[in-house]
Amino acid sequence: RQVRRLSTRLVLLFVLAVVGIVVVVNLAAIFAFNAASADPGQLAGLV
């Protein structure tokens, strides 16, 4: 049962790590392509 709980924790931590990475990559892409001032639709598409 402890291993099952650890497996669940592993999934949650992995998801959090992926979310953090996605945020960093998106911010870099927005900056690299000067998309901060772009049309909201284009910005959403890039993200």
All heavy atoms as atom14 arrays in JSON, in Angstrom:
{
  "sequence": "RQVRRLSTRLVLLFVLAVVGIVVVVNLAAIFAFNAASADPGQLAGLV",
  "atom14_mask": [
    [1, 1, 1, 1, 1, 1, 1, 1, 1, 1, 1, 0, 0, 0],
    [1, 1, 1, 1, 1, 1, 1, 1, 1, 0, 0, 0, 0, 0],
    [1, 1, 1, 1, 1, 1, 1, 0, 0, 0, 0, 0, 0, 0],
    [1, 1, 1, 1, 1, 1, 1, 1, 1, 1, 1, 0, 0, 0],
    [1, 1, 1, 1, 1, 1, 1, 1, 1, 1, 1, 0, 0, 0],
    [1, 1, 1, 1, 1, 1, 1, 1, 0, 0, 0, 0, 0, 0],
    [1, 1, 1, 1, 1, 1, 0, 0, 0, 0, 0, 0, 0, 0],
    [1, 1, 1, 1, 1, 1, 1, 0, 0, 0, 0, 0, 0, 0],
    [1, 1, 1, 1, 1, 1, 1, 1, 1, 1, 1, 0, 0, 0],
    [1, 1, 1, 1, 1, 1, 1, 1, 0, 0, 0, 0, 0, 0],
    [1, 1, 1, 1, 1, 1, 1, 0, 0, 0, 0, 0, 0, 0],
    [1, 1, 1, 1, 1, 1, 1, 1, 0, 0, 0, 0, 0, 0],
    [1, 1, 1, 1, 1, 1, 1, 1, 0, 0, 0, 0, 0, 0],
    [1, 1, 1, 1, 1, 1, 1, 1, 1, 1, 1, 0, 0, 0],
    [1, 1, 1, 1, 1, 1, 1, 0, 0, 0, 0, 0, 0, 0],
    [1, 1, 1, 1, 1, 1, 1, 1, 0, 0, 0, 0, 0, 0],
    [1, 1, 1, 1, 1, 0, 0, 0, 0, 0, 0, 0, 0, 0],
    [1, 1, 1, 1, 1, 1, 1, 0, 0, 0, 0, 0, 0, 0],
    [1, 1, 1, 1, 1, 1, 1, 0, 0, 0, 0, 0, 0, 0],
    [1, 1, 1, 1, 0, 0, 0, 0, 0, 0, 0, 0, 0, 0],
    [1, 1, 1, 1, 1, 1, 1, 1, 0, 0, 0, 0, 0, 0],
    [1, 1, 1, 1, 1, 1, 1, 0, 0, 0, 0, 0, 0, 0],
    [1, 1, 1, 1, 1, 1, 1, 0, 0, 0, 0, 0, 0, 0],
    [1, 1, 1, 1, 1, 1, 1, 0, 0, 0, 0, 0, 0, 0],
    [1, 1, 1, 1, 1, 1, 1, 0, 0, 0, 0, 0, 0, 0],
    [1, 1, 1, 1, 1, 1, 1, 1, 0, 0, 0, 0, 0, 0],
    [1, 1, 1, 1, 1, 1, 1, 1, 0, 0, 0, 0, 0, 0],
    [1, 1, 1, 1, 1, 0, 0, 0, 0, 0, 0, 0, 0, 0],
    [1, 1, 1, 1, 1, 0, 0, 0, 0, 0, 0, 0, 0, 0],
    [1, 1, 1, 1, 1, 1, 1, 1, 0, 0, 0, 0, 0, 0],
    [1, 1, 1, 1, 1, 1, 1, 1, 1, 1, 1, 0, 0, 0],
    [1, 1, 1, 1, 1, 0, 0, 0, 0, 0, 0, 0, 0, 0],
    [1, 1, 1, 1, 1, 1, 1, 1, 1, 1, 1, 0, 0, 0],
    [1, 1, 1, 1, 1, 1, 1, 1, 0, 0, 0, 0, 0, 0],
    [1, 1, 1, 1, 1, 0, 0, 0, 0, 0, 0, 0, 0, 0],
    [1, 1, 1, 1, 1, 0, 0, 0, 0, 0, 0, 0, 0, 0],
    [1, 1, 1, 1, 1, 1, 0, 0, 0, 0, 0, 0, 0, 0],
    [1, 1, 1, 1, 1, 0, 0, 0, 0, 0, 0, 0, 0, 0],
    [1, 1, 1, 1, 1, 1, 1, 1, 0, 0, 0, 0, 0, 0],
    [1, 1, 1, 1, 1, 1, 1, 0, 0, 0, 0, 0, 0, 0],
    [1, 1, 1, 1, 0, 0, 0, 0, 0, 0, 0, 0, 0, 0],
    [1, 1, 1, 1, 1, 1, 1, 1, 1, 0, 0, 0, 0, 0],
    [1, 1, 1, 1, 1, 1, 1, 1, 0, 0, 0, 0, 0, 0],
    [1, 1, 1, 1, 1, 0, 0, 0, 0, 0, 0, 0, 0, 0],
    [1, 1, 1, 1, 0, 0, 0, 0, 0, 0, 0, 0, 0, 0],
    [1, 1, 1, 1, 1, 1, 1, 1, 0, 0, 0, 0, 0, 0],
    [1, 1, 1, 1, 1, 1, 1, 0, 0, 0, 0, 0, 0, 0]
  ],
  "atom14_positions": [
    [[0.84, -1.21, 0.0], [0.0, 0.0, 0.0], [0.87, 1.25, 0.0], [0.54, 2.26, -0.65], [-0.94, -0.02, 1.21], [-2.04, -1.08, 1.1], [-3.11, -0.89, 2.15], [-2.69, -1.37, 3.46], [-2.85, -2.63, 3.87], [-3.4, -3.53, 3.07], [-2.47, -3.0, 5.08], [0.0, 0.0, 0.0], [0.0, 0.0, 0.0], [0.0, 0.0, 0.0]],
    [[2.01, 1.2, 0.71], [2.92, 2.34, 0.71], [3.5, 2.56, -0.69], [3.63, 3.71, -1.14], [4.04, 2.12, 1.71], [4.99, 3.32, 1.81], [6.28, 2.98, 2.52], [7.0, 2.07, 2.13], [6.57, 3.72, 3.58], [0.0, 0.0, 0.0], [0.0, 0.0, 0.0], [0.0, 0.0, 0.0], [0.0, 0.0, 0.0], [0.0, 0.0, 0.0]],
    [[3.84, 1.47, -1.37], [4.38, 1.6, -2.73], [3.34, 2.24, -3.65], [3.66, 3.06, -4.5], [4.82, 0.21, -3.27], [5.14, 0.28, -4.75], [6.04, -0.28, -2.49], [0.0, 0.0, 0.0], [0.0, 0.0, 0.0], [0.0, 0.0, 0.0], [0.0, 0.0, 0.0], [0.0, 0.0, 0.0], [0.0, 0.0, 0.0], [0.0, 0.0, 0.0]],
    [[2.07, 1.87, -3.49], [1.0, 2.48, -4.29], [0.94, 3.99, -4.02], [0.78, 4.79, -4.95], [-0.34, 1.84, -3.96], [-0.5, 0.43, -4.47], [-1.87, -0.13, -4.16], [-2.91, 0.57, -4.91], [-4.2, 0.3, -4.8], [-4.62, -0.62, -3.95], [-5.08, 0.95, -5.51], [0.0, 0.0, 0.0], [0.0, 0.0, 0.0], [0.0, 0.0, 0.0]],
    [[1.05, 4.37, -2.74], [1.02, 5.8, -2.41], [2.23, 6.51, -3.01], [2.12, 7.63, -3.51], [0.99, 5.99, -0.9], [-0.34, 5.58, -0.25], [-0.43, 6.08, 1.17], [0.56, 5.47, 2.03], [0.37, 4.34, 2.72], [-0.78, 3.68, 2.61], [1.32, 3.87, 3.5], [0.0, 0.0, 0.0], [0.0, 0.0, 0.0], [0.0, 0.0, 0.0]],
    [[3.4, 5.86, -2.95], [4.59, 6.45, -3.55], [4.43, 6.59, -5.06], [4.9, 7.57, -5.65], [5.82, 5.61, -3.22], [6.38, 5.73, -1.81], [7.5, 4.72, -1.58], [6.89, 7.14, -1.54], [0.0, 0.0, 0.0], [0.0, 0.0, 0.0], [0.0, 0.0, 0.0], [0.0, 0.0, 0.0], [0.0, 0.0, 0.0], [0.0, 0.0, 0.0]],
    [[3.79, 5.62, -5.68], [3.55, 5.71, -7.13], [2.67, 6.9, -7.45], [2.91, 7.63, -8.41], [2.89, 4.41, -7.64], [3.75, 3.31, -7.48], [0.0, 0.0, 0.0], [0.0, 0.0, 0.0], [0.0, 0.0, 0.0], [0.0, 0.0, 0.0], [0.0, 0.0, 0.0], [0.0, 0.0, 0.0], [0.0, 0.0, 0.0], [0.0, 0.0, 0.0]],
    [[1.64, 7.12, -6.64], [0.77, 8.27, -6.84], [1.55, 9.57, -6.66], [1.41, 10.51, -7.44], [-0.41, 8.23, -5.85], [-1.13, 7.01, -6.05], [-1.35, 9.4, -6.07], [0.0, 0.0, 0.0], [0.0, 0.0, 0.0], [0.0, 0.0, 0.0], [0.0, 0.0, 0.0], [0.0, 0.0, 0.0], [0.0, 0.0, 0.0], [0.0, 0.0, 0.0]],
    [[2.4, 9.61, -5.61], [3.21, 10.81, -5.38], [4.16, 11.04, -6.55], [4.38, 12.18, -6.97], [4.01, 10.67, -4.09], [4.83, 11.93, -3.76], [5.91, 11.65, -2.74], [5.38, 11.16, -1.49], [6.18, 10.81, -0.47], [7.5, 10.89, -0.59], [5.64, 10.38, 0.65], [0.0, 0.0, 0.0], [0.0, 0.0, 0.0], [0.0, 0.0, 0.0]],
    [[4.72, 9.95, -7.08], [5.64, 10.07, -8.21], [4.94, 10.7, -9.4], [5.49, 11.58, -10.07], [6.18, 8.68, -8.56], [7.05, 8.57, -9.82], [8.27, 9.45, -9.7], [7.45, 7.12, -10.04], [0.0, 0.0, 0.0], [0.0, 0.0, 0.0], [0.0, 0.0, 0.0], [0.0, 0.0, 0.0], [0.0, 0.0, 0.0], [0.0, 0.0, 0.0]],
    [[3.73, 10.25, -9.68], [2.97, 10.82, -10.8], [2.71, 12.3, -10.58], [2.89, 13.13, -11.49], [1.64, 10.06, -10.98], [0.78, 10.75, -12.03], [1.89, 8.63, -11.4], [0.0, 0.0, 0.0], [0.0, 0.0, 0.0], [0.0, 0.0, 0.0], [0.0, 0.0, 0.0], [0.0, 0.0, 0.0], [0.0, 0.0, 0.0], [0.0, 0.0, 0.0]],
    [[2.29, 12.67, -9.38], [1.99, 14.08, -9.09], [3.23, 14.95, -9.23], [3.19, 16.04, -9.82], [1.41, 14.21, -7.68], [0.01, 13.6, -7.47], [-0.41, 13.7, -6.01], [-1.02, 14.29, -8.37], [0.0, 0.0, 0.0], [0.0, 0.0, 0.0], [0.0, 0.0, 0.0], [0.0, 0.0, 0.0], [0.0, 0.0, 0.0], [0.0, 0.0, 0.0]],
    [[4.36, 14.47, -8.68], [5.6, 15.25, -8.78], [6.04, 15.38, -10.23], [6.53, 16.43, -10.65], [6.7, 14.59, -7.94], [6.52, 14.65, -6.43], [7.59, 13.82, -5.72], [6.58, 16.1, -5.94], [0.0, 0.0, 0.0], [0.0, 0.0, 0.0], [0.0, 0.0, 0.0], [0.0, 0.0, 0.0], [0.0, 0.0, 0.0], [0.0, 0.0, 0.0]],
    [[5.89, 14.31, -10.99], [6.26, 14.34, -12.41], [5.38, 15.34, -13.15], [5.88, 16.14, -13.96], [6.13, 12.95, -13.01], [6.45, 12.89, -14.47], [7.75, 13.03, -14.93], [5.44, 12.7, -15.42], [8.04, 12.98, -16.28], [5.72, 12.65, -16.77], [7.03, 12.78, -17.2], [0.0, 0.0, 0.0], [0.0, 0.0, 0.0], [0.0, 0.0, 0.0]],
    [[4.08, 15.32, -12.87], [3.17, 16.27, -13.53], [3.54, 17.7, -13.17], [3.57, 18.59, -14.04], [1.71, 15.96, -13.14], [0.78, 17.08, -13.6], [1.26, 14.63, -13.75], [0.0, 0.0, 0.0], [0.0, 0.0, 0.0], [0.0, 0.0, 0.0], [0.0, 0.0, 0.0], [0.0, 0.0, 0.0], [0.0, 0.0, 0.0], [0.0, 0.0, 0.0]],
    [[3.85, 17.94, -11.9], [4.25, 19.29, -11.49], [5.53, 19.71, -12.2], [5.66, 20.87, -12.62], [4.44, 19.33, -9.97], [3.17, 19.27, -9.12], [3.52, 19.21, -7.63], [2.27, 20.48, -9.4], [0.0, 0.0, 0.0], [0.0, 0.0, 0.0], [0.0, 0.0, 0.0], [0.0, 0.0, 0.0], [0.0, 0.0, 0.0], [0.0, 0.0, 0.0]],
    [[6.49, 18.78, -12.31], [7.73, 19.1, -13.01], [7.47, 19.44, -14.47], [8.03, 20.41, -15.02], [8.71, 17.93, -12.9], [0.0, 0.0, 0.0], [0.0, 0.0, 0.0], [0.0, 0.0, 0.0], [0.0, 0.0, 0.0], [0.0, 0.0, 0.0], [0.0, 0.0, 0.0], [0.0, 0.0, 0.0], [0.0, 0.0, 0.0], [0.0, 0.0, 0.0]],
    [[6.6, 18.67, -15.1], [6.28, 18.93, -16.51], [5.57, 20.28, -16.66], [5.86, 21.05, -17.59], [5.41, 17.79, -17.08], [4.88, 18.15, -18.47], [6.21, 16.5, -17.15], [0.0, 0.0, 0.0], [0.0, 0.0, 0.0], [0.0, 0.0, 0.0], [0.0, 0.0, 0.0], [0.0, 0.0, 0.0], [0.0, 0.0, 0.0], [0.0, 0.0, 0.0]],
    [[4.65, 20.59, -15.75], [3.97, 21.89, -15.8], [4.97, 23.01, -15.69], [4.92, 24.01, -16.44], [2.91, 21.98, -14.69], [2.39, 23.41, -14.57], [1.76, 21.02, -14.97], [0.0, 0.0, 0.0], [0.0, 0.0, 0.0], [0.0, 0.0, 0.0], [0.0, 0.0, 0.0], [0.0, 0.0, 0.0], [0.0, 0.0, 0.0], [0.0, 0.0, 0.0]],
    [[5.91, 22.9, -14.75], [6.93, 23.94, -14.6], [7.78, 24.1, -15.85], [8.07, 25.22, -16.28], [0.0, 0.0, 0.0], [0.0, 0.0, 0.0], [0.0, 0.0, 0.0], [0.0, 0.0, 0.0], [0.0, 0.0, 0.0], [0.0, 0.0, 0.0], [0.0, 0.0, 0.0], [0.0, 0.0, 0.0], [0.0, 0.0, 0.0], [0.0, 0.0, 0.0]],
    [[8.15, 22.98, -16.45], [8.96, 23.03, -17.68], [8.16, 23.68, -18.81], [8.7, 24.51, -19.57], [9.4, 21.6, -18.06], [10.41, 21.08, -17.04], [9.98, 21.57, -19.46], [10.74, 19.62, -17.2], [0.0, 0.0, 0.0], [0.0, 0.0, 0.0], [0.0, 0.0, 0.0], [0.0, 0.0, 0.0], [0.0, 0.0, 0.0], [0.0, 0.0, 0.0]],
    [[6.9, 23.32, -18.93], [6.06, 23.89, -19.99], [5.95, 25.4, -19.83], [6.02, 26.16, -20.82], [4.66, 23.23, -19.97], [3.68, 24.03, -20.84], [4.75, 21.8, -20.47], [0.0, 0.0, 0.0], [0.0, 0.0, 0.0], [0.0, 0.0, 0.0], [0.0, 0.0, 0.0], [0.0, 0.0, 0.0], [0.0, 0.0, 0.0], [0.0, 0.0, 0.0]],
    [[5.8, 25.86, -18.6], [5.71, 27.3, -18.35], [7.0, 28.0, -18.79], [6.97, 29.04, -19.47], [5.43, 27.58, -16.86], [5.6, 29.07, -16.55], [4.02, 27.13, -16.5], [0.0, 0.0, 0.0], [0.0, 0.0, 0.0], [0.0, 0.0, 0.0], [0.0, 0.0, 0.0], [0.0, 0.0, 0.0], [0.0, 0.0, 0.0], [0.0, 0.0, 0.0]],
    [[8.16, 27.43, -18.42], [9.45, 28.04, -18.79], [9.61, 28.08, -20.3], [10.01, 29.11, -20.88], [10.61, 27.25, -18.14], [11.95, 27.72, -18.7], [10.59, 27.42, -16.64], [0.0, 0.0, 0.0], [0.0, 0.0, 0.0], [0.0, 0.0, 0.0], [0.0, 0.0, 0.0], [0.0, 0.0, 0.0], [0.0, 0.0, 0.0], [0.0, 0.0, 0.0]],
    [[9.3, 26.99, -20.98], [9.46, 26.93, -22.44], [8.5, 27.91, -23.11], [8.86, 28.59, -24.08], [9.24, 25.5, -22.95], [9.28, 25.47, -24.48], [10.29, 24.56, -22.38], [0.0, 0.0, 0.0], [0.0, 0.0, 0.0], [0.0, 0.0, 0.0], [0.0, 0.0, 0.0], [0.0, 0.0, 0.0], [0.0, 0.0, 0.0], [0.0, 0.0, 0.0]],
    [[7.28, 28.02, -22.62], [6.33, 28.96, -23.22], [6.78, 30.41, -23.05], [6.69, 31.21, -24.0], [4.94, 28.78, -22.58], [4.09, 27.77, -23.32], [3.78, 27.96, -24.5], [3.72, 26.69, -22.66], [0.0, 0.0, 0.0], [0.0, 0.0, 0.0], [0.0, 0.0, 0.0], [0.0, 0.0, 0.0], [0.0, 0.0, 0.0], [0.0, 0.0, 0.0]],
    [[7.28, 30.75, -21.87], [7.77, 32.12, -21.67], [8.93, 32.42, -22.6], [9.01, 33.52, -23.19], [8.2, 32.3, -20.21], [7.07, 32.32, -19.17], [7.66, 32.4, -17.75], [6.14, 33.51, -19.41], [0.0, 0.0, 0.0], [0.0, 0.0, 0.0], [0.0, 0.0, 0.0], [0.0, 0.0, 0.0], [0.0, 0.0, 0.0], [0.0, 0.0, 0.0]],
    [[9.81, 31.45, -22.79], [10.94, 31.65, -23.7], [10.47, 31.8, -25.13], [10.98, 32.64, -25.9], [11.91, 30.48, -23.57], [0.0, 0.0, 0.0], [0.0, 0.0, 0.0], [0.0, 0.0, 0.0], [0.0, 0.0, 0.0], [0.0, 0.0, 0.0], [0.0, 0.0, 0.0], [0.0, 0.0, 0.0], [0.0, 0.0, 0.0], [0.0, 0.0, 0.0]],
    [[9.49, 30.99, -25.54], [8.98, 31.08, -26.91], [8.31, 32.42, -27.16], [8.48, 33.03, -28.23], [8.0, 29.93, -27.16], [0.0, 0.0, 0.0], [0.0, 0.0, 0.0], [0.0, 0.0, 0.0], [0.0, 0.0, 0.0], [0.0, 0.0, 0.0], [0.0, 0.0, 0.0], [0.0, 0.0, 0.0], [0.0, 0.0, 0.0], [0.0, 0.0, 0.0]],
    [[7.54, 32.88, -26.18], [6.88, 34.19, -26.33], [7.9, 35.3, -26.47], [7.78, 36.19, -27.32], [5.96, 34.45, -25.12], [4.77, 33.47, -25.14], [5.46, 35.89, -25.1], [3.93, 33.51, -23.88], [0.0, 0.0, 0.0], [0.0, 0.0, 0.0], [0.0, 0.0, 0.0], [0.0, 0.0, 0.0], [0.0, 0.0, 0.0], [0.0, 0.0, 0.0]],
    [[8.96, 35.22, -25.66], [10.0, 36.24, -25.73], [10.78, 36.13, -27.05], [11.07, 37.14, -27.71], [10.95, 36.08, -24.54], [12.12, 37.01, -24.58], [11.97, 38.36, -24.25], [13.39, 36.55, -24.94], [13.06, 39.21, -24.29], [14.47, 37.4, -24.99], [14.31, 38.74, -24.66], [0.0, 0.0, 0.0], [0.0, 0.0, 0.0], [0.0, 0.0, 0.0]],
    [[11.12, 34.89, -27.46], [11.95, 34.69, -28.65], [11.24, 35.17, -29.92], [11.87, 35.72, -30.83], [12.32, 33.22, -28.79], [0.0, 0.0, 0.0], [0.0, 0.0, 0.0], [0.0, 0.0, 0.0], [0.0, 0.0, 0.0], [0.0, 0.0, 0.0], [0.0, 0.0, 0.0], [0.0, 0.0, 0.0], [0.0, 0.0, 0.0], [0.0, 0.0, 0.0]],
    [[9.93, 34.99, -29.98], [9.19, 35.34, -31.19], [8.42, 36.66, -31.03], [7.52, 36.95, -31.83], [8.22, 34.21, -31.55], [8.92, 32.94, -31.96], [9.01, 31.88, -31.09], [9.51, 32.83, -33.21], [9.65, 30.71, -31.45], [10.15, 31.66, -33.58], [10.24, 30.59, -32.7], [0.0, 0.0, 0.0], [0.0, 0.0, 0.0], [0.0, 0.0, 0.0]],
    [[8.75, 37.41, -29.98], [8.11, 38.71, -29.76], [6.59, 38.6, -29.82], [5.9, 39.4, -30.46], [8.59, 39.74, -30.8], [10.08, 40.01, -30.68], [10.58, 40.16, -29.56], [10.77, 40.06, -31.8], [0.0, 0.0, 0.0], [0.0, 0.0, 0.0], [0.0, 0.0, 0.0], [0.0, 0.0, 0.0], [0.0, 0.0, 0.0], [0.0, 0.0, 0.0]],
    [[6.08, 37.59, -29.15], [4.65, 37.32, -29.25], [3.84, 37.94, -28.12], [2.61, 37.81, -28.1], [4.41, 35.8, -29.25], [0.0, 0.0, 0.0], [0.0, 0.0, 0.0], [0.0, 0.0, 0.0], [0.0, 0.0, 0.0], [0.0, 0.0, 0.0], [0.0, 0.0, 0.0], [0.0, 0.0, 0.0], [0.0, 0.0, 0.0], [0.0, 0.0, 0.0]],
    [[4.51, 38.64, -27.19], [3.78, 39.19, -26.05], [2.74, 40.21, -26.49], [1.67, 40.34, -25.89], [4.77, 39.83, -25.07], [0.0, 0.0, 0.0], [0.0, 0.0, 0.0], [0.0, 0.0, 0.0], [0.0, 0.0, 0.0], [0.0, 0.0, 0.0], [0.0, 0.0, 0.0], [0.0, 0.0, 0.0], [0.0, 0.0, 0.0], [0.0, 0.0, 0.0]],
    [[3.07, 40.96, -27.55], [2.13, 41.99, -28.02], [1.31, 41.52, -29.22], [0.66, 42.33, -29.88], [2.91, 43.26, -28.4], [3.88, 42.96, -29.4], [0.0, 0.0, 0.0], [0.0, 0.0, 0.0], [0.0, 0.0, 0.0], [0.0, 0.0, 0.0], [0.0, 0.0, 0.0], [0.0, 0.0, 0.0], [0.0, 0.0, 0.0], [0.0, 0.0, 0.0]],
    [[1.38, 40.24, -29.52], [0.67, 39.71, -30.69], [-0.82, 39.61, -30.39], [-1.28, 39.78, -29.26], [1.24, 38.35, -31.06], [0.0, 0.0, 0.0], [0.0, 0.0, 0.0], [0.0, 0.0, 0.0], [0.0, 0.0, 0.0], [0.0, 0.0, 0.0], [0.0, 0.0, 0.0], [0.0, 0.0, 0.0], [0.0, 0.0, 0.0], [0.0, 0.0, 0.0]],
    [[-1.56, 39.33, -31.44], [-2.99, 39.11, -31.31], [-3.25, 37.97, -30.32], [-2.54, 36.96, -30.34], [-3.56, 38.75, -32.69], [-5.04, 38.44, -32.62], [-5.83, 39.4, -32.62], [-5.38, 37.24, -32.54], [0.0, 0.0, 0.0], [0.0, 0.0, 0.0], [0.0, 0.0, 0.0], [0.0, 0.0, 0.0], [0.0, 0.0, 0.0], [0.0, 0.0, 0.0]],
    [[-4.24, 38.1, -29.43], [-4.52, 37.05, -28.44], [-4.7, 35.67, -29.07], [-4.29, 34.65, -28.5], [-5.8, 37.53, -27.75], [-5.75, 39.01, -27.91], [-5.11, 39.28, -29.22], [0.0, 0.0, 0.0], [0.0, 0.0, 0.0], [0.0, 0.0, 0.0], [0.0, 0.0, 0.0], [0.0, 0.0, 0.0], [0.0, 0.0, 0.0], [0.0, 0.0, 0.0]],
    [[-5.33, 35.64, -30.23], [-5.52, 34.35, -30.89], [-4.19, 33.74, -31.3], [-3.98, 32.53, -31.14], [0.0, 0.0, 0.0], [0.0, 0.0, 0.0], [0.0, 0.0, 0.0], [0.0, 0.0, 0.0], [0.0, 0.0, 0.0], [0.0, 0.0, 0.0], [0.0, 0.0, 0.0], [0.0, 0.0, 0.0], [0.0, 0.0, 0.0], [0.0, 0.0, 0.0]],
    [[-3.3, 34.56, -31.86], [-1.99, 34.06, -32.25], [-1.18, 33.62, -31.03], [-0.48, 32.6, -31.05], [-1.23, 35.14, -33.02], [-1.83, 35.48, -34.38], [-1.06, 36.58, -35.08], [-0.45, 37.45, -34.43], [-1.09, 36.57, -36.41], [0.0, 0.0, 0.0], [0.0, 0.0, 0.0], [0.0, 0.0, 0.0], [0.0, 0.0, 0.0], [0.0, 0.0, 0.0]],
    [[-1.29, 34.41, -29.93], [-0.57, 34.07, -28.71], [-1.06, 32.72, -28.15], [-0.26, 31.87, -27.76], [-0.77, 35.17, -27.66], [-0.09, 34.94, -26.3], [1.42, 34.82, -26.47], [-0.43, 36.08, -25.34], [0.0, 0.0, 0.0], [0.0, 0.0, 0.0], [0.0, 0.0, 0.0], [0.0, 0.0, 0.0], [0.0, 0.0, 0.0], [0.0, 0.0, 0.0]],
    [[-2.39, 32.55, -28.15], [-2.94, 31.29, -27.66], [-2.5, 30.12, -28.54], [-2.21, 29.03, -28.05], [-4.47, 31.38, -27.63], [0.0, 0.0, 0.0], [0.0, 0.0, 0.0], [0.0, 0.0, 0.0], [0.0, 0.0, 0.0], [0.0, 0.0, 0.0], [0.0, 0.0, 0.0], [0.0, 0.0, 0.0], [0.0, 0.0, 0.0], [0.0, 0.0, 0.0]],
    [[-2.45, 30.36, -29.85], [-2.01, 29.3, -30.75], [-0.57, 28.91, -30.5], [-0.22, 27.72, -30.51], [0.0, 0.0, 0.0], [0.0, 0.0, 0.0], [0.0, 0.0, 0.0], [0.0, 0.0, 0.0], [0.0, 0.0, 0.0], [0.0, 0.0, 0.0], [0.0, 0.0, 0.0], [0.0, 0.0, 0.0], [0.0, 0.0, 0.0], [0.0, 0.0, 0.0]],
    [[0.3, 29.93, -30.28], [1.7, 29.65, -30.0], [1.85, 28.86, -28.7], [2.58, 27.87, -28.64], [2.48, 30.96, -29.91], [3.97, 30.84, -29.52], [4.74, 30.06, -30.59], [4.59, 32.22, -29.29], [0.0, 0.0, 0.0], [0.0, 0.0, 0.0], [0.0, 0.0, 0.0], [0.0, 0.0, 0.0], [0.0, 0.0, 0.0], [0.0, 0.0, 0.0]],
    [[1.13, 29.31, -27.67], [1.21, 28.63, -26.37], [0.73, 27.18, -26.5], [1.34, 26.25, -25.97], [0.38, 29.39, -25.3], [0.24, 28.55, -24.04], [1.03, 30.73, -24.99], [0.0, 0.0, 0.0], [0.0, 0.0, 0.0], [0.0, 0.0, 0.0], [0.0, 0.0, 0.0], [0.0, 0.0, 0.0], [0.0, 0.0, 0.0], [0.0, 0.0, 0.0]]
  ]
}
